[in-house]
Amino acid sequence: MVKPHFEGETKEEKFKRIATARTLRLLEDLRLLGNCANRGAYGYDENDVIRIFSTLDKELKRVKSLFDKPKTDFSLERKR
């Protein structure tokens, strides 16, 4: 699959384009996961639900932490 090249696109534009598409895809997948709550069509127990949402919570926290800025202002460069 050849991905389109966006000539002249800034890093910010690229981020917005890609992050929007990925966020929309995740939201759709979450909606689809919600369909699994239909006990008329699926069988599951509370432990299954706990494992699913525990895993999702952990991964969401991990990914969110990637966007956090470092907590230190350490630098080896001398201040003038």
C-alpha atoms as a PDB file:
ATOM      1  CA  MET A   1       0.000   0.000   0.000  1.00  0.00           C
ATOM      2  CA  VAL A   2       1.484   3.326  -1.041  1.00  0.00           C
ATOM      3  CA  LYS A   3       0.863   6.122   1.419  1.00  0.00           C
ATOM      4  CA  PRO A   4       0.170   9.572  -0.006  1.00  0.00           C
ATOM      5  CA  HIS A   5       2.940  12.119   0.323  1.00  0.00           C
ATOM      6  CA  PHE A   6       1.900  15.548   1.485  1.00  0.00           C
ATOM      7  CA  GLU A   7       4.504  17.865   0.053  1.00  0.00           C
ATOM      8  CA  GLY A   8       5.075  21.002   2.078  1.00  0.00           C
ATOM      9  CA  GLU A   9       3.213  19.618   5.089  1.00  0.00           C
ATOM     10  CA  THR A  10       4.528  20.911   8.429  1.00  0.00           C
ATOM     11  CA  LYS A  11       5.178  18.614  11.373  1.00  0.00           C
ATOM     12  CA  GLU A  12       2.138  20.087  13.103  1.00  0.00           C
ATOM     13  CA  GLU A  13      -0.084  19.463  10.059  1.00  0.00           C
ATOM     14  CA  LYS A  14       1.228  15.909   9.783  1.00  0.00           C
ATOM     15  CA  PHE A  15       0.568  15.309  13.490  1.00  0.00           C
ATOM     16  CA  LYS A  16      -2.998  16.617  13.236  1.00  0.00           C
ATOM     17  CA  ARG A  17      -3.739  14.557  10.130  1.00  0.00           C
ATOM     18  CA  ILE A  18      -2.334  11.300  11.493  1.00  0.00           C
ATOM     19  CA  ALA A  19      -3.500  11.744  15.104  1.00  0.00           C
ATOM     20  CA  THR A  20      -7.027  12.571  13.943  1.00  0.00           C
ATOM     21  CA  ALA A  21      -7.240   9.481  11.751  1.00  0.00           C
ATOM     22  CA  ARG A  22      -5.848   7.211  14.473  1.00  0.00           C
ATOM     23  CA  THR A  23      -8.106   8.695  17.158  1.00  0.00           C
ATOM     24  CA  LEU A  24     -11.183   8.226  14.973  1.00  0.00           C
ATOM     25  CA  ARG A  25     -10.153   4.624  14.295  1.00  0.00           C
ATOM     26  CA  LEU A  26      -9.716   3.962  18.031  1.00  0.00           C
ATOM     27  CA  LEU A  27     -13.102   5.502  18.820  1.00  0.00           C
ATOM     28  CA  GLU A  28     -14.769   3.312  16.208  1.00  0.00           C
ATOM     29  CA  ASP A  29     -13.052   0.215  17.599  1.00  0.00           C
ATOM     30  CA  LEU A  30     -14.231   1.135  21.105  1.00  0.00           C
ATOM     31  CA  ARG A  31     -17.792   1.466  19.805  1.00  0.00           C
ATOM     32  CA  LEU A  32     -17.444  -1.985  18.242  1.00  0.00           C
ATOM     33  CA  LEU A  33     -16.075  -3.389  21.501  1.00  0.00           C
ATOM     34  CA  GLY A  34     -19.173  -1.994  23.183  1.00  0.00           C
ATOM     35  CA  ASN A  35     -21.266  -4.238  20.955  1.00  0.00           C
ATOM     36  CA  CYS A  36     -19.729  -7.194  22.804  1.00  0.00           C
ATOM     37  CA  ALA A  37     -21.716  -6.146  25.891  1.00  0.00           C
ATOM     38  CA  ASN A  38     -24.809  -7.679  24.251  1.00  0.00           C
ATOM     39  CA  ARG A  39     -25.362 -10.792  26.361  1.00  0.00           C
ATOM     40  CA  GLY A  40     -27.875 -12.034  23.814  1.00  0.00           C
ATOM     41  CA  ALA A  41     -25.054 -12.504  21.332  1.00  0.00           C
ATOM     42  CA  TYR A  42     -21.992 -13.025  23.566  1.00  0.00           C
ATOM     43  CA  GLY A  43     -21.082 -14.884  26.724  1.00  0.00           C
ATOM     44  CA  TYR A  44     -18.630 -13.405  29.207  1.00  0.00           C
ATOM     45  CA  ASP A  45     -18.104 -12.971  32.922  1.00  0.00           C
ATOM     46  CA  GLU A  46     -17.019 -10.073  35.108  1.00  0.00           C
ATOM     47  CA  ASN A  47     -13.379 -11.242  35.061  1.00  0.00           C
ATOM     48  CA  ASP A  48     -13.315 -10.955  31.268  1.00  0.00           C
ATOM     49  CA  VAL A  49     -14.591  -7.391  31.484  1.00  0.00           C
ATOM     50  CA  ILE A  50     -12.087  -6.493  34.213  1.00  0.00           C
ATOM     51  CA  ARG A  51      -9.189  -7.881  32.144  1.00  0.00           C
ATOM     52  CA  ILE A  52     -10.270  -5.966  29.022  1.00  0.00           C
ATOM     53  CA  PHE A  53     -10.638  -2.613  30.761  1.00  0.00           C
ATOM     54  CA  SER A  54      -7.572  -3.069  32.947  1.00  0.00           C
ATOM     55  CA  THR A  55      -5.498  -3.667  29.816  1.00  0.00           C
ATOM     56  CA  LEU A  56      -7.042  -0.673  28.045  1.00  0.00           C
ATOM     57  CA  ASP A  57      -6.493   1.577  31.082  1.00  0.00           C
ATOM     58  CA  LYS A  58      -2.826   0.570  31.370  1.00  0.00           C
ATOM     59  CA  GLU A  59      -2.146   1.138  27.688  1.00  0.00           C
ATOM     60  CA  LEU A  60      -3.938   4.480  27.670  1.00  0.00           C
ATOM     61  CA  LYS A  61      -1.856   5.648  30.652  1.00  0.00           C
ATOM     62  CA  ARG A  62       1.352   4.429  28.967  1.00  0.00           C
ATOM     63  CA  VAL A  63       0.601   6.239  25.711  1.00  0.00           C
ATOM     64  CA  LYS A  64      -0.529   9.396  27.505  1.00  0.00           C
ATOM     65  CA  SER A  65       2.775   9.455  29.422  1.00  0.00           C
ATOM     66  CA  LEU A  66       4.618   9.612  26.094  1.00  0.00           C
ATOM     67  CA  PHE A  67       3.075  13.060  25.569  1.00  0.00           C
ATOM     68  CA  ASP A  68       4.039  14.355  29.032  1.00  0.00           C
ATOM     69  CA  LYS A  69       6.894  16.797  29.109  1.00  0.00           C
ATOM     70  CA  PRO A  70       9.978  15.845  31.128  1.00  0.00           C
ATOM     71  CA  LYS A  71       9.733  16.881  34.773  1.00  0.00           C
ATOM     72  CA  THR A  72      13.276  18.250  34.916  1.00  0.00           C
ATOM     73  CA  ASP A  73      14.945  21.212  33.313  1.00  0.00           C
ATOM     74  CA  PHE A  74      18.402  19.626  33.467  1.00  0.00           C
ATOM     75  CA  SER A  75      20.852  20.603  30.776  1.00  0.00           C
ATOM     76  CA  LEU A  76      24.563  20.126  30.244  1.00  0.00           C
ATOM     77  CA  GLU A  77      24.720  23.443  28.402  1.00  0.00           C
ATOM     78  CA  ARG A  78      26.019  26.347  30.439  1.00  0.00           C
ATOM     79  CA  LYS A  79      23.714  29.222  31.044  1.00  0.00           C
ATOM     80  CA  ARG A  80      25.149  32.588  30.127  1.00  0.00           C
END
